[in-house]
Amino acid sequence: MIKEALGMIKNANPEWSPANYMTDNDEKEIGAMEFHFPGKSAECLKMHTCNNS
């Protein structure tokens, strides 16, 4: 679903090519971004990558 939604946004904005992107540490989100924007940098949100216990 994420991959399809990004595809729709990218098709509506063909010039869109982010230099990098922020995401949760989620494999589906990262995979969708890598599919549509190969070679771009992923920045994971710190609050999702830290152990707060």
PDB file of N, CA and C in Angstrom:
ATOM      1  N   MET A   1       0.815  -1.191   0.000  1.00  0.00           N
ATOM      2  CA  MET A   1       0.000   0.000   0.000  1.00  0.00           C
ATOM      3  C   MET A   1       0.864   1.263   0.000  1.00  0.00           C
ATOM      4  N   ILE A   2       1.923   1.275   0.768  1.00  0.00           N
ATOM      5  CA  ILE A   2       2.816   2.438   0.812  1.00  0.00           C
ATOM      6  C   ILE A   2       3.468   2.637  -0.551  1.00  0.00           C
ATOM      7  N   LYS A   3       3.931   1.544  -1.145  1.00  0.00           N
ATOM      8  CA  LYS A   3       4.586   1.626  -2.457  1.00  0.00           C
ATOM      9  C   LYS A   3       3.621   2.184  -3.503  1.00  0.00           C
ATOM     10  N   GLU A   4       2.372   1.733  -3.467  1.00  0.00           N
ATOM     11  CA  GLU A   4       1.377   2.204  -4.432  1.00  0.00           C
ATOM     12  C   GLU A   4       1.077   3.687  -4.228  1.00  0.00           C
ATOM     13  N   ALA A   5       0.948   4.113  -2.974  1.00  0.00           N
ATOM     14  CA  ALA A   5       0.659   5.522  -2.684  1.00  0.00           C
ATOM     15  C   ALA A   5       1.805   6.421  -3.149  1.00  0.00           C
ATOM     16  N   LEU A   6       3.040   6.013  -2.890  1.00  0.00           N
ATOM     17  CA  LEU A   6       4.178   6.796  -3.369  1.00  0.00           C
ATOM     18  C   LEU A   6       4.208   6.850  -4.892  1.00  0.00           C
ATOM     19  N   GLY A   7       3.843   5.755  -5.533  1.00  0.00           N
ATOM     20  CA  GLY A   7       3.787   5.725  -6.988  1.00  0.00           C
ATOM     21  C   GLY A   7       2.772   6.722  -7.533  1.00  0.00           C
ATOM     22  N   MET A   8       1.622   6.822  -6.882  1.00  0.00           N
ATOM     23  CA  MET A   8       0.598   7.776  -7.301  1.00  0.00           C
ATOM     24  C   MET A   8       1.096   9.215  -7.143  1.00  0.00           C
ATOM     25  N   ILE A   9       1.733   9.494  -6.018  1.00  0.00           N
ATOM     26  CA  ILE A   9       2.264  10.844  -5.778  1.00  0.00           C
ATOM     27  C   ILE A   9       3.360  11.160  -6.787  1.00  0.00           C
ATOM     28  N   LYS A  10       4.242  10.205  -7.018  1.00  0.00           N
ATOM     29  CA  LYS A  10       5.339  10.417  -7.970  1.00  0.00           C
ATOM     30  C   LYS A  10       4.804  10.617  -9.391  1.00  0.00           C
ATOM     31  N   ASN A  11       3.783   9.868  -9.796  1.00  0.00           N
ATOM     32  CA  ASN A  11       3.189  10.029 -11.121  1.00  0.00           C
ATOM     33  C   ASN A  11       2.543  11.400 -11.283  1.00  0.00           C
ATOM     34  N   ALA A  12       1.955  11.918 -10.200  1.00  0.00           N
ATOM     35  CA  ALA A  12       1.312  13.227 -10.251  1.00  0.00           C
ATOM     36  C   ALA A  12       2.344  14.364 -10.214  1.00  0.00           C
ATOM     37  N   ASN A  13       3.563  14.053  -9.753  1.00  0.00           N
ATOM     38  CA  ASN A  13       4.631  15.044  -9.620  1.00  0.00           C
ATOM     39  C   ASN A  13       5.921  14.463 -10.190  1.00  0.00           C
ATOM     40  N   PRO A  14       6.011  14.309 -11.508  1.00  0.00           N
ATOM     41  CA  PRO A  14       7.148  13.601 -12.112  1.00  0.00           C
ATOM     42  C   PRO A  14       8.514  14.250 -11.869  1.00  0.00           C
ATOM     43  N   GLU A  15       8.548  15.514 -11.522  1.00  0.00           N
ATOM     44  CA  GLU A  15       9.825  16.192 -11.244  1.00  0.00           C
ATOM     45  C   GLU A  15      10.294  15.978  -9.805  1.00  0.00           C
ATOM     46  N   TRP A  16       9.450  15.385  -8.979  1.00  0.00           N
ATOM     47  CA  TRP A  16       9.765  15.193  -7.565  1.00  0.00           C
ATOM     48  C   TRP A  16      10.864  14.159  -7.412  1.00  0.00           C
ATOM     49  N   SER A  17      11.962  14.557  -6.776  1.00  0.00           N
ATOM     50  CA  SER A  17      13.077  13.658  -6.526  1.00  0.00           C
ATOM     51  C   SER A  17      13.793  14.113  -5.257  1.00  0.00           C
ATOM     52  N   PRO A  18      13.311  13.674  -4.102  1.00  0.00           N
ATOM     53  CA  PRO A  18      13.900  14.136  -2.845  1.00  0.00           C
ATOM     54  C   PRO A  18      15.361  13.711  -2.704  1.00  0.00           C
ATOM     55  N   ALA A  19      16.157  14.578  -2.096  1.00  0.00           N
ATOM     56  CA  ALA A  19      17.561  14.251  -1.857  1.00  0.00           C
ATOM     57  C   ALA A  19      17.686  13.164  -0.791  1.00  0.00           C
ATOM     58  N   ASN A  20      16.796  13.188   0.186  1.00  0.00           N
ATOM     59  CA  ASN A  20      16.740  12.176   1.233  1.00  0.00           C
ATOM     60  C   ASN A  20      15.324  12.169   1.795  1.00  0.00           C
ATOM     61  N   TYR A  21      15.068  11.301   2.723  1.00  0.00           N
ATOM     62  CA  TYR A  21      13.729  11.199   3.303  1.00  0.00           C
ATOM     63  C   TYR A  21      13.825  10.714   4.734  1.00  0.00           C
ATOM     64  N   MET A  22      12.799  11.053   5.531  1.00  0.00           N
ATOM     65  CA  MET A  22      12.710  10.601   6.913  1.00  0.00           C
ATOM     66  C   MET A  22      11.611   9.558   7.009  1.00  0.00           C
ATOM     67  N   THR A  23      11.865   8.557   7.822  1.00  0.00           N
ATOM     68  CA  THR A  23      10.896   7.478   7.986  1.00  0.00           C
ATOM     69  C   THR A  23      11.045   6.871   9.370  1.00  0.00           C
ATOM     70  N   ASP A  24      10.033   6.127   9.757  1.00  0.00           N
ATOM     71  CA  ASP A  24      10.172   5.273  10.938  1.00  0.00           C
ATOM     72  C   ASP A  24      11.153   4.173  10.545  1.00  0.00           C
ATOM     73  N   ASN A  25      11.627   3.451  11.504  1.00  0.00           N
ATOM     74  CA  ASN A  25      12.510   2.328  11.211  1.00  0.00           C
ATOM     75  C   ASN A  25      11.631   1.147  10.780  1.00  0.00           C
ATOM     76  N   ASP A  26      10.982   1.297   9.615  1.00  0.00           N
ATOM     77  CA  ASP A  26      10.013   0.333   9.115  1.00  0.00           C
ATOM     78  C   ASP A  26      10.456  -0.168   7.744  1.00  0.00           C
ATOM     79  N   GLU A  27      10.625  -1.472   7.622  1.00  0.00           N
ATOM     80  CA  GLU A  27      11.133  -2.062   6.382  1.00  0.00           C
ATOM     81  C   GLU A  27      10.242  -1.769   5.177  1.00  0.00           C
ATOM     82  N   LYS A  28       8.917  -1.760   5.369  1.00  0.00           N
ATOM     83  CA  LYS A  28       8.006  -1.494   4.247  1.00  0.00           C
ATOM     84  C   LYS A  28       8.146  -0.052   3.759  1.00  0.00           C
ATOM     85  N   GLU A  29       8.252   0.895   4.689  1.00  0.00           N
ATOM     86  CA  GLU A  29       8.417   2.298   4.303  1.00  0.00           C
ATOM     87  C   GLU A  29       9.742   2.500   3.577  1.00  0.00           C
ATOM     88  N   ILE A  30      10.805   1.978   4.146  1.00  0.00           N
ATOM     89  CA  ILE A  30      12.129   2.126   3.536  1.00  0.00           C
ATOM     90  C   ILE A  30      12.173   1.439   2.178  1.00  0.00           C
ATOM     91  N   GLY A  31      11.602   0.241   2.086  1.00  0.00           N
ATOM     92  CA  GLY A  31      11.580  -0.487   0.818  1.00  0.00           C
ATOM     93  C   GLY A  31      10.817   0.267  -0.263  1.00  0.00           C
ATOM     94  N   ALA A  32       9.697   0.887   0.110  1.00  0.00           N
ATOM     95  CA  ALA A  32       8.906   1.651  -0.863  1.00  0.00           C
ATOM     96  C   ALA A  32       9.697   2.855  -1.354  1.00  0.00           C
ATOM     97  N   MET A  33      10.370   3.552  -0.456  1.00  0.00           N
ATOM     98  CA  MET A  33      11.171   4.712  -0.861  1.00  0.00           C
ATOM     99  C   MET A  33      12.340   4.272  -1.743  1.00  0.00           C
ATOM    100  N   GLU A  34      12.998   3.176  -1.374  1.00  0.00           N
ATOM    101  CA  GLU A  34      14.121   2.683  -2.183  1.00  0.00           C
ATOM    102  C   GLU A  34      13.656   2.246  -3.572  1.00  0.00           C
ATOM    103  N   PHE A  35      12.445   1.719  -3.671  1.00  0.00           N
ATOM    104  CA  PHE A  35      11.898   1.300  -4.958  1.00  0.00           C
ATOM    105  C   PHE A  35      11.693   2.510  -5.874  1.00  0.00           C
ATOM    106  N   HIS A  36      11.067   3.556  -5.334  1.00  0.00           N
ATOM    107  CA  HIS A  36      10.737   4.730  -6.140  1.00  0.00           C
ATOM    108  C   HIS A  36      11.889   5.728  -6.266  1.00  0.00           C
ATOM    109  N   PHE A  37      12.775   5.759  -5.278  1.00  0.00           N
ATOM    110  CA  PHE A  37      13.871   6.721  -5.273  1.00  0.00           C
ATOM    111  C   PHE A  37      15.190   6.020  -4.936  1.00  0.00           C
ATOM    112  N   PRO A  38      15.668   5.152  -5.820  1.00  0.00           N
ATOM    113  CA  PRO A  38      16.904   4.419  -5.525  1.00  0.00           C
ATOM    114  C   PRO A  38      18.091   5.365  -5.345  1.00  0.00           C
ATOM    115  N   GLY A  39      18.939   5.030  -4.404  1.00  0.00           N
ATOM    116  CA  GLY A  39      20.147   5.814  -4.165  1.00  0.00           C
ATOM    117  C   GLY A  39      19.960   7.003  -3.246  1.00  0.00           C
ATOM    118  N   LYS A  40      18.748   7.237  -2.753  1.00  0.00           N
ATOM    119  CA  LYS A  40      18.501   8.354  -1.842  1.00  0.00           C
ATOM    120  C   LYS A  40      18.760   7.908  -0.412  1.00  0.00           C
ATOM    121  N   SER A  41      19.086   8.848   0.458  1.00  0.00           N
ATOM    122  CA  SER A  41      19.425   8.549   1.852  1.00  0.00           C
ATOM    123  C   SER A  41      18.184   8.467   2.728  1.00  0.00           C
ATOM    124  N   ALA A  42      18.157   7.472   3.588  1.00  0.00           N
ATOM    125  CA  ALA A  42      17.085   7.334   4.574  1.00  0.00           C
ATOM    126  C   ALA A  42      17.573   7.856   5.905  1.00  0.00           C
ATOM    127  N   GLU A  43      16.761   8.668   6.547  1.00  0.00           N
ATOM    128  CA  GLU A  43      17.025   9.144   7.901  1.00  0.00           C
ATOM    129  C   GLU A  43      15.926   8.589   8.785  1.00  0.00           C
ATOM    130  N   CYS A  44      16.280   7.735   9.732  1.00  0.00           N
ATOM    131  CA  CYS A  44      15.275   7.179  10.632  1.00  0.00           C
ATOM    132  C   CYS A  44      15.039   8.154  11.786  1.00  0.00           C
ATOM    133  N   LEU A  45      13.777   8.289  12.162  1.00  0.00           N
ATOM    134  CA  LEU A  45      13.432   9.171  13.260  1.00  0.00           C
ATOM    135  C   LEU A  45      14.060   8.639  14.546  1.00  0.00           C
ATOM    136  N   LYS A  46      14.781   9.484  15.250  1.00  0.00           N
ATOM    137  CA  LYS A  46      15.522   9.052  16.436  1.00  0.00           C
ATOM    138  C   LYS A  46      14.612   8.453  17.502  1.00  0.00           C
ATOM    139  N   MET A  47      13.425   9.015  17.684  1.00  0.00           N
ATOM    140  CA  MET A  47      12.544   8.503  18.731  1.00  0.00           C
ATOM    141  C   MET A  47      12.114   7.061  18.463  1.00  0.00           C
ATOM    142  N   HIS A  48      12.237   6.612  17.211  1.00  0.00           N
ATOM    143  CA  HIS A  48      11.865   5.248  16.875  1.00  0.00           C
ATOM    144  C   HIS A  48      13.052   4.301  16.870  1.00  0.00           C
ATOM    145  N   THR A  49      14.258   4.818  16.958  1.00  0.00           N
ATOM    146  CA  THR A  49      15.428   3.958  16.914  1.00  0.00           C
ATOM    147  C   THR A  49      16.117   3.848  18.272  1.00  0.00           C
ATOM    148  N   CYS A  50      15.672   4.623  19.255  1.00  0.00           N
ATOM    149  CA  CYS A  50      16.281   4.579  20.596  1.00  0.00           C
ATOM    150  C   CYS A  50      15.486   3.652  21.500  1.00  0.00           C
ATOM    151  N   ASN A  51      16.161   3.018  22.418  1.00  0.00           N
ATOM    152  CA  ASN A  51      15.512   2.185  23.409  1.00  0.00           C
ATOM    153  C   ASN A  51      15.250   3.052  24.627  1.00  0.00           C
ATOM    154  N   ASN A  52      13.985   3.348  24.899  1.00  0.00           N
ATOM    155  CA  ASN A  52      13.626   4.244  25.996  1.00  0.00           C
ATOM    156  C   ASN A  52      13.218   3.507  27.264  1.00  0.00           C
ATOM    157  N   SER A  53      13.600   2.258  27.409  1.00  0.00           N
ATOM    158  CA  SER A  53      13.184   1.507  28.592  1.00  0.00           C
ATOM    159  C   SER A  53      14.120   1.721  29.758  1.00  0.00           C
TER     160      SER A  53
END
